[in-house]
N, C-alpha and C. Protein backbone atom coordinates (compact mmCIF):
# COMPACT_ATOMS: atom_id res chain seq x y z
N MET A 1 -61.26 -33.43 17.09
CA MET A 1 -62.04 -34.12 18.10
C MET A 1 -61.32 -35.43 18.41
N LYS A 2 -61.23 -35.77 19.68
CA LYS A 2 -60.59 -37.02 20.09
C LYS A 2 -61.49 -38.19 19.76
N ALA A 3 -60.88 -39.29 19.42
CA ALA A 3 -61.64 -40.50 19.07
C ALA A 3 -62.41 -41.03 20.28
N SER A 4 -61.79 -40.96 21.46
CA SER A 4 -62.47 -41.47 22.65
C SER A 4 -63.73 -40.66 22.95
N THR A 5 -63.66 -39.34 22.75
CA THR A 5 -64.83 -38.50 22.96
C THR A 5 -65.93 -38.87 21.97
N PHE A 6 -65.53 -39.12 20.73
CA PHE A 6 -66.50 -39.51 19.70
C PHE A 6 -67.20 -40.81 20.08
N PHE A 7 -66.41 -41.81 20.51
CA PHE A 7 -67.00 -43.10 20.85
C PHE A 7 -67.88 -43.01 22.10
N ILE A 8 -67.48 -42.21 23.05
CA ILE A 8 -68.31 -42.03 24.25
C ILE A 8 -69.63 -41.38 23.86
N GLY A 9 -69.57 -40.37 23.00
CA GLY A 9 -70.80 -39.72 22.52
C GLY A 9 -71.67 -40.68 21.75
N LEU A 10 -71.05 -41.51 20.92
CA LEU A 10 -71.79 -42.51 20.15
C LEU A 10 -72.48 -43.51 21.09
N ALA A 11 -71.76 -43.97 22.08
CA ALA A 11 -72.34 -44.94 23.02
C ALA A 11 -73.47 -44.30 23.83
N THR A 12 -73.26 -43.07 24.28
CA THR A 12 -74.29 -42.38 25.06
C THR A 12 -75.54 -42.17 24.22
N GLY A 13 -75.36 -41.76 22.99
CA GLY A 13 -76.50 -41.57 22.10
C GLY A 13 -77.24 -42.86 21.83
N SER A 14 -76.48 -43.94 21.68
CA SER A 14 -77.12 -45.25 21.45
C SER A 14 -77.92 -45.68 22.66
N VAL A 15 -77.37 -45.49 23.85
CA VAL A 15 -78.09 -45.86 25.07
C VAL A 15 -79.36 -45.03 25.20
N ALA A 16 -79.26 -43.72 24.98
CA ALA A 16 -80.43 -42.85 25.09
C ALA A 16 -81.49 -43.25 24.07
N ALA A 17 -81.09 -43.58 22.87
CA ALA A 17 -82.04 -43.99 21.84
C ALA A 17 -82.72 -45.30 22.22
N ALA A 18 -81.93 -46.24 22.74
CA ALA A 18 -82.49 -47.53 23.13
C ALA A 18 -83.50 -47.37 24.27
N ILE A 19 -83.16 -46.57 25.23
CA ILE A 19 -84.07 -46.35 26.36
C ILE A 19 -85.35 -45.65 25.90
N THR A 20 -85.22 -44.67 25.03
CA THR A 20 -86.39 -43.96 24.52
C THR A 20 -87.30 -44.90 23.76
N VAL A 21 -86.73 -45.74 22.93
CA VAL A 21 -87.53 -46.69 22.16
C VAL A 21 -88.20 -47.69 23.10
N LEU A 22 -87.47 -48.17 24.08
CA LEU A 22 -88.04 -49.17 25.00
C LEU A 22 -89.22 -48.61 25.78
N TYR A 23 -89.10 -47.40 26.24
CA TYR A 23 -90.17 -46.83 27.08
C TYR A 23 -91.29 -46.17 26.27
N SER A 24 -91.08 -45.94 25.01
CA SER A 24 -92.14 -45.29 24.23
C SER A 24 -93.03 -46.30 23.49
N THR A 25 -92.67 -47.55 23.51
CA THR A 25 -93.51 -48.55 22.84
C THR A 25 -94.39 -49.25 23.88
N PRO A 26 -95.64 -49.48 23.54
CA PRO A 26 -96.53 -50.17 24.48
C PRO A 26 -96.21 -51.66 24.52
N GLN A 27 -95.76 -52.14 25.70
CA GLN A 27 -95.45 -53.55 25.87
C GLN A 27 -95.94 -53.99 27.26
N SER A 28 -96.08 -55.29 27.37
CA SER A 28 -96.42 -55.82 28.68
C SER A 28 -95.15 -55.85 29.52
N GLY A 29 -95.29 -56.10 30.80
CA GLY A 29 -94.15 -56.10 31.71
C GLY A 29 -93.09 -57.12 31.33
N SER A 30 -93.55 -58.34 31.01
CA SER A 30 -92.58 -59.39 30.66
C SER A 30 -91.88 -59.08 29.34
N GLU A 31 -92.65 -58.53 28.39
CA GLU A 31 -92.04 -58.13 27.12
C GLU A 31 -91.03 -57.02 27.33
N LEU A 32 -91.38 -56.07 28.18
CA LEU A 32 -90.49 -54.97 28.47
C LEU A 32 -89.21 -55.47 29.14
N ARG A 33 -89.32 -56.38 30.10
CA ARG A 33 -88.13 -56.93 30.76
C ARG A 33 -87.25 -57.66 29.76
N THR A 34 -87.89 -58.43 28.89
CA THR A 34 -87.13 -59.14 27.86
C THR A 34 -86.42 -58.16 26.94
N SER A 35 -87.13 -57.11 26.55
CA SER A 35 -86.55 -56.09 25.68
C SER A 35 -85.39 -55.38 26.36
N VAL A 36 -85.57 -55.04 27.64
CA VAL A 36 -84.51 -54.36 28.39
C VAL A 36 -83.30 -55.27 28.51
N LYS A 37 -83.54 -56.55 28.80
CA LYS A 37 -82.45 -57.51 28.92
C LYS A 37 -81.71 -57.63 27.59
N SER A 38 -82.47 -57.74 26.51
CA SER A 38 -81.87 -57.84 25.18
C SER A 38 -81.08 -56.57 24.84
N ALA A 39 -81.67 -55.44 25.17
CA ALA A 39 -80.99 -54.17 24.90
C ALA A 39 -79.71 -54.05 25.72
N SER A 40 -79.74 -54.50 26.97
CA SER A 40 -78.54 -54.41 27.81
C SER A 40 -77.44 -55.32 27.27
N ILE A 41 -77.83 -56.48 26.77
CA ILE A 41 -76.84 -57.39 26.16
C ILE A 41 -76.25 -56.74 24.91
N ASP A 42 -77.12 -56.13 24.10
CA ASP A 42 -76.65 -55.44 22.90
C ASP A 42 -75.70 -54.30 23.27
N MET A 43 -76.06 -53.55 24.31
CA MET A 43 -75.21 -52.43 24.74
C MET A 43 -73.86 -52.93 25.22
N LYS A 44 -73.86 -54.03 25.97
CA LYS A 44 -72.60 -54.59 26.43
C LYS A 44 -71.72 -54.97 25.24
N ASP A 45 -72.36 -55.60 24.24
CA ASP A 45 -71.61 -55.97 23.04
C ASP A 45 -71.07 -54.72 22.33
N MET A 46 -71.91 -53.67 22.25
CA MET A 46 -71.46 -52.44 21.60
C MET A 46 -70.30 -51.82 22.37
N PHE A 47 -70.38 -51.81 23.70
CA PHE A 47 -69.30 -51.26 24.50
C PHE A 47 -68.01 -52.06 24.32
N LYS A 48 -68.15 -53.38 24.21
CA LYS A 48 -66.97 -54.22 23.95
C LYS A 48 -66.36 -53.86 22.60
N ASP A 49 -67.21 -53.69 21.58
CA ASP A 49 -66.72 -53.30 20.26
C ASP A 49 -66.02 -51.95 20.30
N VAL A 50 -66.64 -51.00 21.01
CA VAL A 50 -66.04 -49.68 21.13
C VAL A 50 -64.69 -49.78 21.83
N LYS A 51 -64.62 -50.58 22.89
CA LYS A 51 -63.38 -50.76 23.63
C LYS A 51 -62.29 -51.34 22.73
N VAL A 52 -62.66 -52.34 21.93
CA VAL A 52 -61.70 -52.95 21.01
C VAL A 52 -61.24 -51.93 19.97
N LYS A 53 -62.18 -51.14 19.44
CA LYS A 53 -61.81 -50.14 18.43
C LYS A 53 -60.92 -49.05 19.01
N VAL A 54 -61.18 -48.64 20.23
CA VAL A 54 -60.33 -47.65 20.89
C VAL A 54 -58.94 -48.23 21.11
N ALA A 55 -58.86 -49.48 21.53
CA ALA A 55 -57.56 -50.12 21.72
C ALA A 55 -56.81 -50.21 20.39
N ASP A 56 -57.51 -50.56 19.32
CA ASP A 56 -56.89 -50.60 17.99
C ASP A 56 -56.39 -49.22 17.58
N LEU A 57 -57.19 -48.20 17.86
CA LEU A 57 -56.80 -46.84 17.52
C LEU A 57 -55.55 -46.43 18.30
N LYS A 58 -55.52 -46.74 19.59
CA LYS A 58 -54.34 -46.43 20.39
C LYS A 58 -53.11 -47.14 19.86
N GLU A 59 -53.28 -48.40 19.47
CA GLU A 59 -52.16 -49.16 18.92
C GLU A 59 -51.68 -48.56 17.61
N SER A 60 -52.62 -48.14 16.76
CA SER A 60 -52.25 -47.52 15.49
C SER A 60 -51.50 -46.22 15.72
N ILE A 61 -51.97 -45.43 16.66
CA ILE A 61 -51.30 -44.16 16.96
C ILE A 61 -49.90 -44.42 17.50
N SER A 62 -49.78 -45.41 18.36
CA SER A 62 -48.47 -45.76 18.91
C SER A 62 -47.52 -46.21 17.80
N HIS A 63 -48.04 -47.02 16.88
CA HIS A 63 -47.22 -47.50 15.76
C HIS A 63 -46.80 -46.32 14.87
N LEU A 64 -47.72 -45.42 14.59
CA LEU A 64 -47.42 -44.25 13.77
C LEU A 64 -46.37 -43.38 14.45
N LYS A 65 -46.49 -43.20 15.75
CA LYS A 65 -45.53 -42.40 16.51
C LYS A 65 -44.14 -43.03 16.43
N LYS A 66 -44.09 -44.34 16.59
CA LYS A 66 -42.81 -45.05 16.53
C LYS A 66 -42.18 -44.92 15.14
N GLU A 67 -43.01 -45.09 14.11
CA GLU A 67 -42.52 -44.95 12.74
C GLU A 67 -42.00 -43.55 12.47
N ALA A 68 -42.73 -42.55 12.97
CA ALA A 68 -42.32 -41.16 12.77
C ALA A 68 -40.98 -40.90 13.45
N LYS A 69 -40.78 -41.45 14.65
CA LYS A 69 -39.51 -41.27 15.34
C LYS A 69 -38.36 -41.88 14.58
N GLU A 70 -38.63 -42.96 13.86
CA GLU A 70 -37.57 -43.62 13.09
C GLU A 70 -37.36 -42.94 11.73
N THR A 71 -38.44 -42.49 11.11
CA THR A 71 -38.37 -41.98 9.75
C THR A 71 -37.94 -40.52 9.67
N VAL A 72 -38.47 -39.69 10.55
CA VAL A 72 -38.21 -38.24 10.46
C VAL A 72 -36.72 -37.93 10.58
N PRO A 73 -35.99 -38.47 11.55
CA PRO A 73 -34.56 -38.14 11.62
C PRO A 73 -33.79 -38.54 10.36
N SER A 74 -34.11 -39.70 9.79
CA SER A 74 -33.40 -40.10 8.58
C SER A 74 -33.77 -39.20 7.40
N ALA A 75 -35.01 -38.75 7.35
CA ALA A 75 -35.41 -37.82 6.29
C ALA A 75 -34.68 -36.49 6.46
N ILE A 76 -34.56 -36.02 7.69
CA ILE A 76 -33.84 -34.77 7.94
C ILE A 76 -32.38 -34.92 7.55
N ASP A 77 -31.78 -36.05 7.90
CA ASP A 77 -30.38 -36.29 7.51
C ASP A 77 -30.24 -36.30 5.99
N GLY A 78 -31.20 -36.92 5.31
CA GLY A 78 -31.17 -36.95 3.84
C GLY A 78 -31.26 -35.55 3.25
N ILE A 79 -32.13 -34.73 3.81
CA ILE A 79 -32.26 -33.36 3.33
C ILE A 79 -30.97 -32.58 3.58
N LYS A 80 -30.39 -32.76 4.76
CA LYS A 80 -29.12 -32.07 5.07
C LYS A 80 -28.04 -32.49 4.09
N ASP A 81 -27.96 -33.79 3.80
CA ASP A 81 -26.96 -34.28 2.84
C ASP A 81 -27.19 -33.68 1.46
N SER A 82 -28.46 -33.61 1.04
CA SER A 82 -28.77 -33.04 -0.27
C SER A 82 -28.37 -31.58 -0.34
N VAL A 83 -28.66 -30.82 0.71
CA VAL A 83 -28.29 -29.40 0.73
C VAL A 83 -26.77 -29.25 0.70
N GLU A 84 -26.09 -30.08 1.47
CA GLU A 84 -24.63 -30.02 1.50
C GLU A 84 -24.04 -30.33 0.13
N LYS A 85 -24.57 -31.36 -0.53
CA LYS A 85 -24.08 -31.70 -1.88
C LYS A 85 -24.37 -30.57 -2.86
N TRP A 86 -25.54 -29.96 -2.74
CA TRP A 86 -25.88 -28.84 -3.62
C TRP A 86 -24.91 -27.68 -3.39
N GLN A 87 -24.62 -27.39 -2.13
CA GLN A 87 -23.69 -26.31 -1.83
C GLN A 87 -22.31 -26.62 -2.40
N GLN A 88 -21.88 -27.86 -2.30
CA GLN A 88 -20.58 -28.25 -2.83
C GLN A 88 -20.56 -28.16 -4.36
N SER A 89 -21.67 -28.54 -4.99
CA SER A 89 -21.70 -28.50 -6.45
C SER A 89 -21.80 -27.08 -6.98
N THR A 90 -22.35 -26.17 -6.20
CA THR A 90 -22.48 -24.78 -6.66
C THR A 90 -21.33 -23.90 -6.20
N GLU A 91 -20.45 -24.42 -5.36
CA GLU A 91 -19.32 -23.63 -4.83
C GLU A 91 -18.42 -23.09 -5.94
N PRO A 92 -18.03 -23.90 -6.94
CA PRO A 92 -17.18 -23.35 -8.01
C PRO A 92 -17.87 -22.19 -8.76
N ASN A 93 -19.16 -22.35 -9.02
CA ASN A 93 -19.88 -21.29 -9.71
C ASN A 93 -19.96 -20.03 -8.85
N ARG A 94 -20.16 -20.20 -7.56
CA ARG A 94 -20.24 -19.05 -6.66
C ARG A 94 -18.90 -18.31 -6.64
N GLU A 95 -17.82 -19.06 -6.53
CA GLU A 95 -16.49 -18.44 -6.52
C GLU A 95 -16.22 -17.72 -7.84
N ARG A 96 -16.58 -18.35 -8.96
CA ARG A 96 -16.38 -17.73 -10.27
C ARG A 96 -17.18 -16.44 -10.39
N MET A 97 -18.44 -16.48 -9.90
CA MET A 97 -19.28 -15.29 -9.97
C MET A 97 -18.73 -14.18 -9.07
N GLU A 98 -18.18 -14.53 -7.91
CA GLU A 98 -17.59 -13.52 -7.03
C GLU A 98 -16.40 -12.85 -7.71
N LYS A 99 -15.59 -13.66 -8.39
CA LYS A 99 -14.44 -13.11 -9.11
C LYS A 99 -14.90 -12.18 -10.24
N GLU A 100 -15.94 -12.62 -10.97
CA GLU A 100 -16.46 -11.79 -12.07
C GLU A 100 -17.05 -10.49 -11.53
N ILE A 101 -17.76 -10.55 -10.42
CA ILE A 101 -18.33 -9.34 -9.82
C ILE A 101 -17.21 -8.40 -9.37
N ALA A 102 -16.16 -8.97 -8.75
CA ALA A 102 -15.03 -8.14 -8.33
C ALA A 102 -14.36 -7.49 -9.54
N ALA A 103 -14.24 -8.26 -10.63
CA ALA A 103 -13.63 -7.71 -11.86
C ALA A 103 -14.51 -6.61 -12.43
N ILE A 104 -15.82 -6.79 -12.42
CA ILE A 104 -16.74 -5.76 -12.92
C ILE A 104 -16.65 -4.51 -12.06
N GLN A 105 -16.57 -4.69 -10.74
CA GLN A 105 -16.45 -3.53 -9.84
C GLN A 105 -15.15 -2.77 -10.11
N THR A 106 -14.06 -3.51 -10.32
CA THR A 106 -12.78 -2.88 -10.63
C THR A 106 -12.87 -2.13 -11.96
N ALA A 107 -13.51 -2.75 -12.95
CA ALA A 107 -13.65 -2.10 -14.26
C ALA A 107 -14.49 -0.84 -14.15
N ILE A 108 -15.54 -0.87 -13.34
CA ILE A 108 -16.39 0.31 -13.16
C ILE A 108 -15.59 1.43 -12.48
N GLU A 109 -14.82 1.09 -11.46
CA GLU A 109 -14.00 2.09 -10.77
C GLU A 109 -12.98 2.70 -11.74
N GLU A 110 -12.36 1.87 -12.54
CA GLU A 110 -11.38 2.35 -13.52
C GLU A 110 -12.05 3.24 -14.56
N LEU A 111 -13.24 2.84 -14.98
CA LEU A 111 -13.99 3.63 -15.95
C LEU A 111 -14.38 4.99 -15.35
N GLU A 112 -14.77 4.99 -14.10
CA GLU A 112 -15.12 6.24 -13.43
C GLU A 112 -13.90 7.16 -13.35
N ARG A 113 -12.73 6.60 -13.05
CA ARG A 113 -11.50 7.41 -12.99
C ARG A 113 -11.16 7.98 -14.37
N THR A 114 -11.33 7.15 -15.37
CA THR A 114 -11.03 7.60 -16.74
C THR A 114 -11.98 8.72 -17.15
N VAL A 115 -13.26 8.57 -16.85
CA VAL A 115 -14.25 9.60 -17.20
C VAL A 115 -13.93 10.87 -16.42
N ALA A 116 -13.55 10.73 -15.17
CA ALA A 116 -13.24 11.91 -14.36
C ALA A 116 -12.02 12.64 -14.90
N GLU A 117 -11.01 11.89 -15.40
CA GLU A 117 -9.80 12.51 -15.97
C GLU A 117 -10.14 13.24 -17.27
N HIS A 118 -11.03 12.68 -18.09
CA HIS A 118 -11.40 13.31 -19.35
C HIS A 118 -12.22 14.57 -19.14
N GLN A 119 -12.93 14.63 -18.05
CA GLN A 119 -13.77 15.80 -17.80
C GLN A 119 -12.94 16.97 -17.29
N LYS A 120 -11.76 16.78 -16.82
CA LYS A 120 -10.93 17.86 -16.29
C LYS A 120 -10.36 18.69 -17.36
């Protein structure tokens, strides 16, 4: 849910609640006008607070976006460097294992030839 939608819903609900309370209580005309005036001032203050909070939220999101643009590429570069170093450190072992596998394959082929000669 978007923050602006939440705040608009909150403000709308507050206004509806204030109006319901104002019109459901028995008051004289002057008391009602005073109450409405007071409620409108309160609503204006609430809307100002909501506006400030939305602006703060937008600023926070902008700051987070900027930080992410700066941080993510460096993190990706760090991961790439780590993978490259790992590949370099495991290269000798990989080459050794390839040689051992080739030697085992050669030994198996030689063994198969020897077994085939003995069976004749």
